[in-house]
């Protein structure tokens, strides 16, 4: 099972070819690909055309959608943000902290292109989907 970040989904739907979108294209239908509720919102809100929105919505909701946040995960996310800040890393988006923390806590590899996840890999043992 892997969780795919919005950074990869957005590139995927925009037809951008990179190692991460190639990986996603390769494993869709062969491996369990999951999405977080927050990622679902991030990706879907970006579509301008109704037809593109409907297509993406059908694809993404066919996957298992994980609820990424609750009280305990909120606290763990804040703790992880603070740990990284103490090491000199300031993560720009709270959503990325929540996604990384969820993956770390549940031992789910994350497929991403967003550089804000790198400190989680280097310092908090986030697994990269390869």
Protein backbone atom coordinates (compact mmCIF):
# COMPACT_ATOMS: atom_id res chain seq x y z
CA UNK A 1 0.00 0.00 0.00
CA UNK A 2 1.17 3.52 -0.77
CA UNK A 3 -0.35 6.91 -0.18
CA UNK A 4 0.01 9.40 -3.03
CA UNK A 5 0.40 13.09 -2.23
CA UNK A 6 -1.46 15.84 -4.07
CA UNK A 7 1.84 16.99 -5.63
CA UNK A 8 1.94 13.76 -7.65
CA UNK A 9 -1.78 13.65 -8.42
CA UNK A 10 -1.72 17.22 -9.73
CA UNK A 11 1.24 16.44 -11.99
CA UNK A 12 -0.46 13.21 -13.06
CA UNK A 13 -3.71 14.93 -14.07
CA UNK A 14 -1.76 17.71 -15.81
CA UNK A 15 0.13 15.16 -17.92
CA UNK A 16 3.51 15.97 -16.42
CA UNK A 17 5.98 13.14 -16.90
CA UNK A 18 8.41 12.56 -14.04
CA UNK A 19 9.59 9.50 -12.07
CA UNK A 20 6.75 9.90 -9.55
CA UNK A 21 3.95 10.12 -12.13
CA UNK A 22 5.52 7.22 -14.01
CA UNK A 23 5.48 5.22 -10.77
CA UNK A 24 1.83 6.11 -10.14
CA UNK A 25 0.87 5.18 -13.69
CA UNK A 26 2.78 1.89 -13.33
CA UNK A 27 1.13 0.78 -10.08
CA UNK A 28 -2.48 1.97 -10.52
CA UNK A 29 -4.59 -1.15 -10.63
CA UNK A 30 -1.68 -3.41 -9.62
CA UNK A 31 -0.89 -2.22 -6.08
CA UNK A 32 -3.05 -0.71 -3.40
CA UNK A 33 -2.97 3.05 -3.87
CA UNK A 34 -4.73 5.07 -1.18
CA UNK A 35 -5.50 8.74 -0.78
CA UNK A 36 -6.10 10.93 2.24
CA UNK A 37 -9.25 13.01 2.64
CA UNK A 38 -7.16 16.17 2.81
CA UNK A 39 -5.33 15.22 -0.39
CA UNK A 40 -8.65 14.51 -2.08
CA UNK A 41 -9.82 18.04 -1.25
CA UNK A 42 -6.52 19.61 -2.37
CA UNK A 43 -6.59 17.87 -5.74
CA UNK A 44 -10.27 18.29 -6.55
CA UNK A 45 -10.41 21.98 -5.68
CA UNK A 46 -7.89 22.75 -8.42
CA UNK A 47 -10.01 21.69 -11.40
CA UNK A 48 -11.57 24.45 -13.45
CA UNK A 49 -13.58 22.40 -15.94
CA UNK A 50 -16.53 20.45 -14.58
CA UNK A 51 -15.78 17.52 -16.88
CA UNK A 52 -12.16 17.26 -15.60
CA UNK A 53 -13.41 17.55 -12.02
CA UNK A 54 -15.92 14.72 -12.53
CA UNK A 55 -13.32 12.46 -14.15
CA UNK A 56 -10.81 13.05 -11.36
CA UNK A 57 -13.47 12.65 -8.68
CA UNK A 58 -14.47 9.27 -10.13
CA UNK A 59 -10.86 8.07 -10.24
CA UNK A 60 -9.91 9.33 -6.78
CA UNK A 61 -13.05 8.16 -4.97
CA UNK A 62 -12.56 4.68 -6.43
CA UNK A 63 -9.49 4.47 -4.16
CA UNK A 64 -9.59 3.82 -0.43
CA UNK A 65 -9.82 7.22 1.26
CA UNK A 66 -8.14 7.53 4.66
CA UNK A 67 -9.25 10.09 7.27
CA UNK A 68 -5.94 11.78 8.07
CA UNK A 69 -6.74 13.86 11.13
CA UNK A 70 -8.26 13.46 14.55
CA UNK A 71 -7.25 14.72 17.96
CA UNK A 72 -4.30 12.38 18.46
CA UNK A 73 -2.99 12.87 14.93
CA UNK A 74 -3.31 16.64 15.35
CA UNK A 75 -1.11 16.47 18.45
CA UNK A 76 1.43 14.14 16.76
CA UNK A 77 1.52 16.48 13.76
CA UNK A 78 2.21 19.48 15.98
CA UNK A 79 4.94 17.51 17.76
CA UNK A 80 6.58 16.59 14.45
CA UNK A 81 6.41 20.17 13.21
CA UNK A 82 8.09 21.35 16.41
CA UNK A 83 10.78 18.63 16.17
CA UNK A 84 11.69 19.71 12.67
CA UNK A 85 11.59 23.41 13.53
CA UNK A 86 14.06 22.77 16.36
CA UNK A 87 16.35 21.15 13.75
CA UNK A 88 16.08 24.25 11.56
CA UNK A 89 13.33 23.13 9.15
CA UNK A 90 10.11 25.09 8.83
CA UNK A 91 7.47 23.21 6.89
CA UNK A 92 5.40 25.63 4.81
CA UNK A 93 2.05 23.84 4.82
CA UNK A 94 0.23 22.30 7.76
CA UNK A 95 -1.36 19.83 5.33
CA UNK A 96 2.08 18.39 4.53
CA UNK A 97 2.83 17.94 8.24
CA UNK A 98 -0.46 16.07 8.71
CA UNK A 99 0.11 13.86 5.64
CA UNK A 100 3.69 12.99 6.62
CA UNK A 101 2.76 12.33 10.24
CA UNK A 102 -0.11 10.07 9.22
CA UNK A 103 2.18 8.06 6.95
CA UNK A 104 4.89 7.80 9.61
CA UNK A 105 2.41 6.74 12.29
CA UNK A 106 0.76 4.13 10.05
CA UNK A 107 3.98 2.98 8.33
CA UNK A 108 2.60 3.82 4.88
CA UNK A 109 5.10 4.83 2.17
CA UNK A 110 4.38 8.21 0.58
CA UNK A 111 4.79 9.03 -3.11
CA UNK A 112 5.52 12.77 -3.44
CA UNK A 113 7.36 15.46 -5.35
CA UNK A 114 6.96 18.25 -2.77
CA UNK A 115 10.34 19.08 -1.19
CA UNK A 116 8.71 19.81 2.19
CA UNK A 117 8.53 16.06 2.81
CA UNK A 118 12.32 15.61 2.63
CA UNK A 119 12.97 16.60 6.30
CA UNK A 120 10.40 14.00 7.36
CA UNK A 121 12.33 11.38 5.40
CA UNK A 122 15.70 12.49 6.70
CA UNK A 123 14.81 13.08 10.35
CA UNK A 124 11.51 11.36 11.21
CA UNK A 125 11.65 8.12 9.19
CA UNK A 126 8.96 8.85 6.61
CA UNK A 127 9.10 6.02 4.08
CA UNK A 128 9.35 7.02 0.43
CA UNK A 129 7.34 4.98 -2.06
CA UNK A 130 9.77 3.84 -4.73
